[in-house]
Structure formats: structure tokens, C-alpha cells
C-alpha atoms as a PDB file:
ATOM      1  CA  UNK A   1       0.115 -37.969  -2.457  1.00  0.00           C
ATOM      2  CA  UNK A   2       2.228 -35.289  -0.815  1.00  0.00           C
ATOM      3  CA  UNK A   3       4.399 -35.959   2.229  1.00  0.00           C
ATOM      4  CA  UNK A   4       6.485 -33.721   4.464  1.00  0.00           C
ATOM      5  CA  UNK A   5       8.694 -34.477   7.434  1.00  0.00           C
ATOM      6  CA  UNK A   6      10.284 -32.118   9.935  1.00  0.00           C
ATOM      7  CA  UNK A   7      13.510 -34.084   9.431  1.00  0.00           C
ATOM      8  CA  UNK A   8      13.552 -33.042   5.763  1.00  0.00           C
ATOM      9  CA  UNK A   9      12.889 -29.352   6.372  1.00  0.00           C
ATOM     10  CA  UNK A  10      10.648 -27.831   3.693  1.00  0.00           C
ATOM     11  CA  UNK A  11      11.265 -30.718   1.291  1.00  0.00           C
ATOM     12  CA  UNK A  12       8.059 -32.124  -0.168  1.00  0.00           C
ATOM     13  CA  UNK A  13       7.942 -35.748  -1.301  1.00  0.00           C
ATOM     14  CA  UNK A  14       5.580 -36.552  -4.172  1.00  0.00           C
ATOM     15  CA  UNK A  15       4.398 -40.114  -4.582  1.00  0.00           C
ATOM     16  CA  UNK A  16       1.588 -42.624  -4.960  1.00  0.00           C
ATOM     17  CA  UNK A  17      -0.056 -45.230  -2.779  1.00  0.00           C
ATOM     18  CA  UNK A  18       0.891 -48.584  -4.288  1.00  0.00           C
ATOM     19  CA  UNK A  19      -0.704 -51.183  -2.080  1.00  0.00           C
ATOM     20  CA  UNK A  20      -2.135 -52.383   1.162  1.00  0.00           C
ATOM     21  CA  UNK A  21      -1.222 -55.453   3.172  1.00  0.00           C
ATOM     22  CA  UNK A  22      -2.318 -56.873   6.513  1.00  0.00           C
ATOM     23  CA  UNK A  23       0.331 -58.279   8.838  1.00  0.00           C
ATOM     24  CA  UNK A  24      -0.482 -59.366  12.384  1.00  0.00           C
ATOM     25  CA  UNK A  25      -2.506 -56.538  13.965  1.00  0.00           C
ATOM     26  CA  UNK A  26      -1.482 -53.871  11.444  1.00  0.00           C
ATOM     27  CA  UNK A  27      -2.591 -52.610   8.052  1.00  0.00           C
ATOM     28  CA  UNK A  28       0.490 -51.709   6.023  1.00  0.00           C
ATOM     29  CA  UNK A  29       0.049 -48.965   3.431  1.00  0.00           C
ATOM     30  CA  UNK A  30       2.790 -49.078   0.810  1.00  0.00           C
ATOM     31  CA  UNK A  31       3.755 -45.849  -0.943  1.00  0.00           C
ATOM     32  CA  UNK A  32       6.377 -45.005  -3.524  1.00  0.00           C
ATOM     33  CA  UNK A  33       7.801 -41.489  -3.736  1.00  0.00           C
ATOM     34  CA  UNK A  34       8.833 -40.212  -7.156  1.00  0.00           C
ATOM     35  CA  UNK A  35      10.125 -36.702  -6.574  1.00  0.00           C
ATOM     36  CA  UNK A  36      12.735 -35.523  -5.467  1.00  0.00           C
ATOM     37  CA  UNK A  37      13.882 -39.051  -4.550  1.00  0.00           C
ATOM     38  CA  UNK A  38      12.585 -42.535  -5.294  1.00  0.00           C
ATOM     39  CA  UNK A  39      11.850 -44.193  -1.980  1.00  0.00           C
ATOM     40  CA  UNK A  40       9.535 -46.939  -0.834  1.00  0.00           C
ATOM     41  CA  UNK A  41       7.628 -45.752   2.246  1.00  0.00           C
ATOM     42  CA  UNK A  42       5.467 -47.966   4.434  1.00  0.00           C
ATOM     43  CA  UNK A  43       3.009 -46.870   7.112  1.00  0.00           C
ATOM     44  CA  UNK A  44       1.763 -49.403   9.663  1.00  0.00           C
ATOM     45  CA  UNK A  45      -1.610 -48.613  11.246  1.00  0.00           C
ATOM     46  CA  UNK A  46      -3.149 -50.596  14.086  1.00  0.00           C
ATOM     47  CA  UNK A  47      -6.884 -50.736  14.794  1.00  0.00           C
ATOM     48  CA  UNK A  48      -6.771 -47.698  17.084  1.00  0.00           C
ATOM     49  CA  UNK A  49      -4.983 -45.683  14.376  1.00  0.00           C
ATOM     50  CA  UNK A  50      -7.665 -46.672  11.840  1.00  0.00           C
ATOM     51  CA  UNK A  51     -10.436 -45.619  14.238  1.00  0.00           C
ATOM     52  CA  UNK A  52      -8.773 -42.251  14.828  1.00  0.00           C
ATOM     53  CA  UNK A  53      -8.283 -41.703  11.076  1.00  0.00           C
ATOM     54  CA  UNK A  54     -11.908 -42.621  10.368  1.00  0.00           C
ATOM     55  CA  UNK A  55     -13.093 -40.366  13.174  1.00  0.00           C
ATOM     56  CA  UNK A  56     -11.024 -37.434  11.921  1.00  0.00           C
ATOM     57  CA  UNK A  57     -12.398 -37.771   8.397  1.00  0.00           C
ATOM     58  CA  UNK A  58     -16.005 -38.837   8.861  1.00  0.00           C
ATOM     59  CA  UNK A  59     -16.996 -37.383  12.222  1.00  0.00           C
ATOM     60  CA  UNK A  60     -15.822 -33.841  11.603  1.00  0.00           C
ATOM     61  CA  UNK A  61     -17.385 -31.084   9.534  1.00  0.00           C
ATOM     62  CA  UNK A  62     -14.102 -30.442   7.732  1.00  0.00           C
ATOM     63  CA  UNK A  63     -13.801 -34.120   6.815  1.00  0.00           C
ATOM     64  CA  UNK A  64     -17.342 -34.349   5.442  1.00  0.00           C
ATOM     65  CA  UNK A  65     -16.964 -31.045   3.594  1.00  0.00           C
ATOM     66  CA  UNK A  66     -13.806 -32.409   1.955  1.00  0.00           C
ATOM     67  CA  UNK A  67     -15.451 -35.724   0.977  1.00  0.00           C
ATOM     68  CA  UNK A  68     -18.550 -34.040  -0.486  1.00  0.00           C
ATOM     69  CA  UNK A  69     -16.440 -31.461  -2.335  1.00  0.00           C
ATOM     70  CA  UNK A  70     -14.262 -34.211  -3.872  1.00  0.00           C
ATOM     71  CA  UNK A  71     -17.325 -36.234  -4.975  1.00  0.00           C
ATOM     72  CA  UNK A  72     -18.761 -33.147  -6.671  1.00  0.00           C
ATOM     73  CA  UNK A  73     -15.407 -32.465  -8.332  1.00  0.00           C
ATOM     74  CA  UNK A  74     -15.359 -36.049  -9.666  1.00  0.00           C
ATOM     75  CA  UNK A  75     -18.775 -35.477 -11.229  1.00  0.00           C
ATOM     76  CA  UNK A  76     -17.565 -32.297 -12.970  1.00  0.00           C
ATOM     77  CA  UNK A  77     -13.999 -33.409 -13.761  1.00  0.00           C
ATOM     78  CA  UNK A  78     -14.759 -35.306 -17.024  1.00  0.00           C
ATOM     79  CA  UNK A  79     -16.052 -32.049 -18.513  1.00  0.00           C
ATOM     80  CA  UNK A  80     -13.118 -29.857 -17.440  1.00  0.00           C
ATOM     81  CA  UNK A  81     -10.078 -29.269 -19.620  1.00  0.00           C
ATOM     82  CA  UNK A  82      -7.772 -28.592 -16.661  1.00  0.00           C
ATOM     83  CA  UNK A  83      -7.680 -31.788 -14.574  1.00  0.00           C
ATOM     84  CA  UNK A  84      -4.875 -30.736 -12.231  1.00  0.00           C
ATOM     85  CA  UNK A  85      -5.124 -30.807  -8.436  1.00  0.00           C
ATOM     86  CA  UNK A  86      -4.892 -27.689  -6.293  1.00  0.00           C
ATOM     87  CA  UNK A  87      -1.892 -28.095  -3.989  1.00  0.00           C
ATOM     88  CA  UNK A  88      -1.913 -26.810  -0.403  1.00  0.00           C
ATOM     89  CA  UNK A  89       0.435 -23.936   0.409  1.00  0.00           C
ATOM     90  CA  UNK A  90       1.431 -25.231   3.818  1.00  0.00           C
ATOM     91  CA  UNK A  91       0.600 -28.449   5.636  1.00  0.00           C
END
């Protein structure tokens, strides 16, 4: 997982999603950054946020193209020697 914030300038935080919890009307996604600092980051999404996220991914051509491309990559990945991810230049 890659994260950027305008408050951090061009700094890119590298981390992993560690868990998911439900509290009241929110889904809490727990992440842990590993580089350049070790932070615990939590994102709270309400139902409207989840609907918007789902809509952005599954009801757009770009979202479906991404999902299909990643599924095809998973099918080919066991046979590739280089299993690294291609990082975006700017996001």
C-alpha cells in the first residue's frame, strides 16, 4: 500500500493493511506504515463512503479494467521470475 498526504509534501508512506474492525456505523481499516516511519494509520468509512468506493471501482471502466488486469496478472504471476509491482509515478 502506498500513501501520500499534502501535509507531508512528496513523502510517500509504504505500508500494509493489517485489519478491519466495525465500530458503531463505521468500518475501520487498520494500516501499518513501514517506510520512512513506522506509524499505525486508521481509516474510518461509513456506509456512504463504502458505496462511493464501490461505485468508483466497480461502476467505472477504469475500475473494471484494473480488476480484470490484476486477475490476469495473478494467473500469470506464479510463472514469472520478477514478482515486483509496478509503482505509479504520480498519484
